[in-house]
Amino acid sequence: MMMMMTESLTTEMQNCINATTECHKICLETMTYCMSQGGKYMSANLISAMRDCSEFCMICTNMLISGSLFAGKTCALCAEICDRCALACETISTDKKMTACASACRNCAEACRGVKVGV
């Protein structure tokens, strides 16, 4: 059973959609930046965290927009993944691009935690 949410998106859902869309974009841009930097920027943990975060942010966005019954659980997992990515980005805390990515991830995690829908 699918709920059509387009007419009934709450403010929290819309905030989450905005945050996940932005986080997805920033993680992809930051991965590209990391590839250009090389060295410590190419650690498997860091790249994996950003990849997972960017991909799951889009899944979360899609679940919210489509009105999936699993949107709430998806948002909770997205928050956890975003927190992990923020921690990974903060390992290079002297770089403004990395701290910006960490900040976007933290904002996204907070927005995802604000969504209470589904099973």
C-alpha atoms as a PDB file:
ATOM      1  CA  MET A   1       0.000   0.000   0.000  1.00  0.00           C
ATOM      2  CA  MET A   2       1.421   3.366  -0.991  1.00  0.00           C
ATOM      3  CA  MET A   3       0.418   6.705   0.461  1.00  0.00           C
ATOM      4  CA  MET A   4       0.465   9.654  -1.880  1.00  0.00           C
ATOM      5  CA  MET A   5       2.357  12.293   0.058  1.00  0.00           C
ATOM      6  CA  THR A   6       2.669  15.052  -2.494  1.00  0.00           C
ATOM      7  CA  GLU A   7      -0.305  16.904  -1.057  1.00  0.00           C
ATOM      8  CA  SER A   8       0.388  16.067   2.581  1.00  0.00           C
ATOM      9  CA  LEU A   9       4.109  16.579   3.082  1.00  0.00           C
ATOM     10  CA  THR A  10       4.733  17.934   6.539  1.00  0.00           C
ATOM     11  CA  THR A  11       7.196  20.729   7.167  1.00  0.00           C
ATOM     12  CA  GLU A  12       9.563  18.136   8.673  1.00  0.00           C
ATOM     13  CA  MET A  13       9.325  15.971   5.553  1.00  0.00           C
ATOM     14  CA  GLN A  14      10.005  18.920   3.254  1.00  0.00           C
ATOM     15  CA  ASN A  15      12.947  19.989   5.420  1.00  0.00           C
ATOM     16  CA  CYS A  16      14.307  16.458   5.198  1.00  0.00           C
ATOM     17  CA  ILE A  17      13.888  16.358   1.413  1.00  0.00           C
ATOM     18  CA  ASN A  18      15.763  19.659   1.135  1.00  0.00           C
ATOM     19  CA  ALA A  19      18.523  18.469   3.471  1.00  0.00           C
ATOM     20  CA  THR A  20      18.960  15.071   1.803  1.00  0.00           C
ATOM     21  CA  THR A  21      19.080  16.648  -1.641  1.00  0.00           C
ATOM     22  CA  GLU A  22      21.738  19.128  -0.505  1.00  0.00           C
ATOM     23  CA  CYS A  23      23.730  16.479   1.354  1.00  0.00           C
ATOM     24  CA  HIS A  24      23.682  14.180  -1.688  1.00  0.00           C
ATOM     25  CA  LYS A  25      25.054  17.003  -3.846  1.00  0.00           C
ATOM     26  CA  ILE A  26      27.741  18.060  -1.376  1.00  0.00           C
ATOM     27  CA  CYS A  27      28.928  14.490  -0.783  1.00  0.00           C
ATOM     28  CA  LEU A  28      29.312  13.923  -4.533  1.00  0.00           C
ATOM     29  CA  GLU A  29      31.157  17.215  -4.987  1.00  0.00           C
ATOM     30  CA  THR A  30      33.398  16.428  -2.022  1.00  0.00           C
ATOM     31  CA  MET A  31      34.206  12.961  -3.380  1.00  0.00           C
ATOM     32  CA  THR A  32      35.306  14.575  -6.636  1.00  0.00           C
ATOM     33  CA  TYR A  33      37.404  17.044  -4.661  1.00  0.00           C
ATOM     34  CA  CYS A  34      38.982  14.202  -2.663  1.00  0.00           C
ATOM     35  CA  MET A  35      39.928  12.390  -5.869  1.00  0.00           C
ATOM     36  CA  SER A  36      41.737  15.515  -7.052  1.00  0.00           C
ATOM     37  CA  GLN A  37      43.620  15.778  -3.740  1.00  0.00           C
ATOM     38  CA  GLY A  38      44.764  12.163  -3.426  1.00  0.00           C
ATOM     39  CA  GLY A  39      46.658  10.853  -0.401  1.00  0.00           C
ATOM     40  CA  LYS A  40      44.706  10.835   2.861  1.00  0.00           C
ATOM     41  CA  TYR A  41      41.674  12.180   0.983  1.00  0.00           C
ATOM     42  CA  MET A  42      41.385   8.830  -0.779  1.00  0.00           C
ATOM     43  CA  SER A  43      41.095   6.641   2.316  1.00  0.00           C
ATOM     44  CA  ALA A  44      38.660   3.785   1.780  1.00  0.00           C
ATOM     45  CA  ASN A  45      36.714   4.727   4.916  1.00  0.00           C
ATOM     46  CA  LEU A  46      36.234   8.332   3.811  1.00  0.00           C
ATOM     47  CA  ILE A  47      35.250   7.584   0.217  1.00  0.00           C
ATOM     48  CA  SER A  48      32.950   4.759   1.311  1.00  0.00           C
ATOM     49  CA  ALA A  49      31.237   6.985   3.885  1.00  0.00           C
ATOM     50  CA  MET A  50      30.596   9.750   1.345  1.00  0.00           C
ATOM     51  CA  ARG A  51      29.382   7.284  -1.287  1.00  0.00           C
ATOM     52  CA  ASP A  52      27.017   5.578   1.160  1.00  0.00           C
ATOM     53  CA  CYS A  53      25.749   8.925   2.405  1.00  0.00           C
ATOM     54  CA  SER A  54      25.110  10.392  -1.037  1.00  0.00           C
ATOM     55  CA  GLU A  55      23.336   7.253  -2.245  1.00  0.00           C
ATOM     56  CA  PHE A  56      21.209   6.825   0.855  1.00  0.00           C
ATOM     57  CA  CYS A  57      20.220  10.483   0.861  1.00  0.00           C
ATOM     58  CA  MET A  58      18.677   9.963  -2.575  1.00  0.00           C
ATOM     59  CA  ILE A  59      16.898   6.808  -1.398  1.00  0.00           C
ATOM     60  CA  CYS A  60      15.494   8.760   1.538  1.00  0.00           C
ATOM     61  CA  THR A  61      14.359  11.597  -0.716  1.00  0.00           C
ATOM     62  CA  ASN A  62      12.632   9.174  -3.056  1.00  0.00           C
ATOM     63  CA  MET A  63      10.905   7.333  -0.201  1.00  0.00           C
ATOM     64  CA  LEU A  64       9.552  10.592   1.211  1.00  0.00           C
ATOM     65  CA  ILE A  65       8.381  11.941  -2.131  1.00  0.00           C
ATOM     66  CA  SER A  66       6.709   8.664  -3.102  1.00  0.00           C
ATOM     67  CA  GLY A  67       5.010   8.306   0.263  1.00  0.00           C
ATOM     68  CA  SER A  68       6.580   4.975   1.127  1.00  0.00           C
ATOM     69  CA  LEU A  69       5.420   3.327   4.320  1.00  0.00           C
ATOM     70  CA  PHE A  70       9.105   2.808   5.076  1.00  0.00           C
ATOM     71  CA  ALA A  71      10.004   6.498   4.867  1.00  0.00           C
ATOM     72  CA  GLY A  72      10.328   6.858   8.639  1.00  0.00           C
ATOM     73  CA  LYS A  73      12.695   3.904   8.956  1.00  0.00           C
ATOM     74  CA  THR A  74      14.614   5.085   5.915  1.00  0.00           C
ATOM     75  CA  CYS A  75      15.035   8.534   7.479  1.00  0.00           C
ATOM     76  CA  ALA A  76      16.304   6.987  10.718  1.00  0.00           C
ATOM     77  CA  LEU A  77      18.923   4.947   8.855  1.00  0.00           C
ATOM     78  CA  CYS A  78      19.838   7.946   6.709  1.00  0.00           C
ATOM     79  CA  ALA A  79      20.517   9.947   9.887  1.00  0.00           C
ATOM     80  CA  GLU A  80      22.865   7.220  11.105  1.00  0.00           C
ATOM     81  CA  ILE A  81      24.700   7.085   7.770  1.00  0.00           C
ATOM     82  CA  CYS A  82      24.994  10.892   7.660  1.00  0.00           C
ATOM     83  CA  ASP A  83      26.463  10.914  11.180  1.00  0.00           C
ATOM     84  CA  ARG A  84      29.049   8.327  10.096  1.00  0.00           C
ATOM     85  CA  CYS A  85      29.952  10.407   7.049  1.00  0.00           C
ATOM     86  CA  ALA A  86      30.308  13.560   9.153  1.00  0.00           C
ATOM     87  CA  LEU A  87      32.744  11.756  11.454  1.00  0.00           C
ATOM     88  CA  ALA A  88      34.750  10.527   8.468  1.00  0.00           C
ATOM     89  CA  CYS A  89      34.912  14.014   6.932  1.00  0.00           C
ATOM     90  CA  GLU A  90      35.959  15.510  10.263  1.00  0.00           C
ATOM     91  CA  THR A  91      39.137  13.408  10.190  1.00  0.00           C
ATOM     92  CA  ILE A  92      40.448  16.095   7.812  1.00  0.00           C
ATOM     93  CA  SER A  93      39.205  18.999   9.911  1.00  0.00           C
ATOM     94  CA  THR A  94      41.769  21.488   8.577  1.00  0.00           C
ATOM     95  CA  ASP A  95      40.127  21.467   5.131  1.00  0.00           C
ATOM     96  CA  LYS A  96      37.148  23.793   4.593  1.00  0.00           C
ATOM     97  CA  LYS A  97      35.564  21.552   1.954  1.00  0.00           C
ATOM     98  CA  MET A  98      35.685  18.598   4.329  1.00  0.00           C
ATOM     99  CA  THR A  99      34.197  20.562   7.216  1.00  0.00           C
ATOM    100  CA  ALA A 100      31.457  21.873   4.904  1.00  0.00           C
ATOM    101  CA  CYS A 101      30.612  18.299   3.938  1.00  0.00           C
ATOM    102  CA  ALA A 102      30.567  17.269   7.605  1.00  0.00           C
ATOM    103  CA  SER A 103      28.253  20.177   8.388  1.00  0.00           C
ATOM    104  CA  ALA A 104      25.847  19.245   5.577  1.00  0.00           C
ATOM    105  CA  CYS A 105      25.823  15.668   6.862  1.00  0.00           C
ATOM    106  CA  ARG A 106      25.062  16.790  10.414  1.00  0.00           C
ATOM    107  CA  ASN A 107      22.262  19.076   9.189  1.00  0.00           C
ATOM    108  CA  CYS A 108      20.841  16.230   7.151  1.00  0.00           C
ATOM    109  CA  ALA A 109      20.976  13.813  10.084  1.00  0.00           C
ATOM    110  CA  GLU A 110      19.099  16.310  12.235  1.00  0.00           C
ATOM    111  CA  ALA A 111      16.436  16.844   9.554  1.00  0.00           C
ATOM    112  CA  CYS A 112      16.044  13.089   9.087  1.00  0.00           C
ATOM    113  CA  ARG A 113      15.557  12.577  12.811  1.00  0.00           C
ATOM    114  CA  GLY A 114      12.711  15.088  12.687  1.00  0.00           C
ATOM    115  CA  VAL A 115      10.628  12.910  10.354  1.00  0.00           C
ATOM    116  CA  LYS A 116       8.105  10.658  12.074  1.00  0.00           C
ATOM    117  CA  VAL A 117       6.129   8.654   9.498  1.00  0.00           C
ATOM    118  CA  GLY A 118       5.478   5.089   8.440  1.00  0.00           C
ATOM    119  CA  VAL A 119       5.680   1.789  10.243  1.00  0.00           C
END
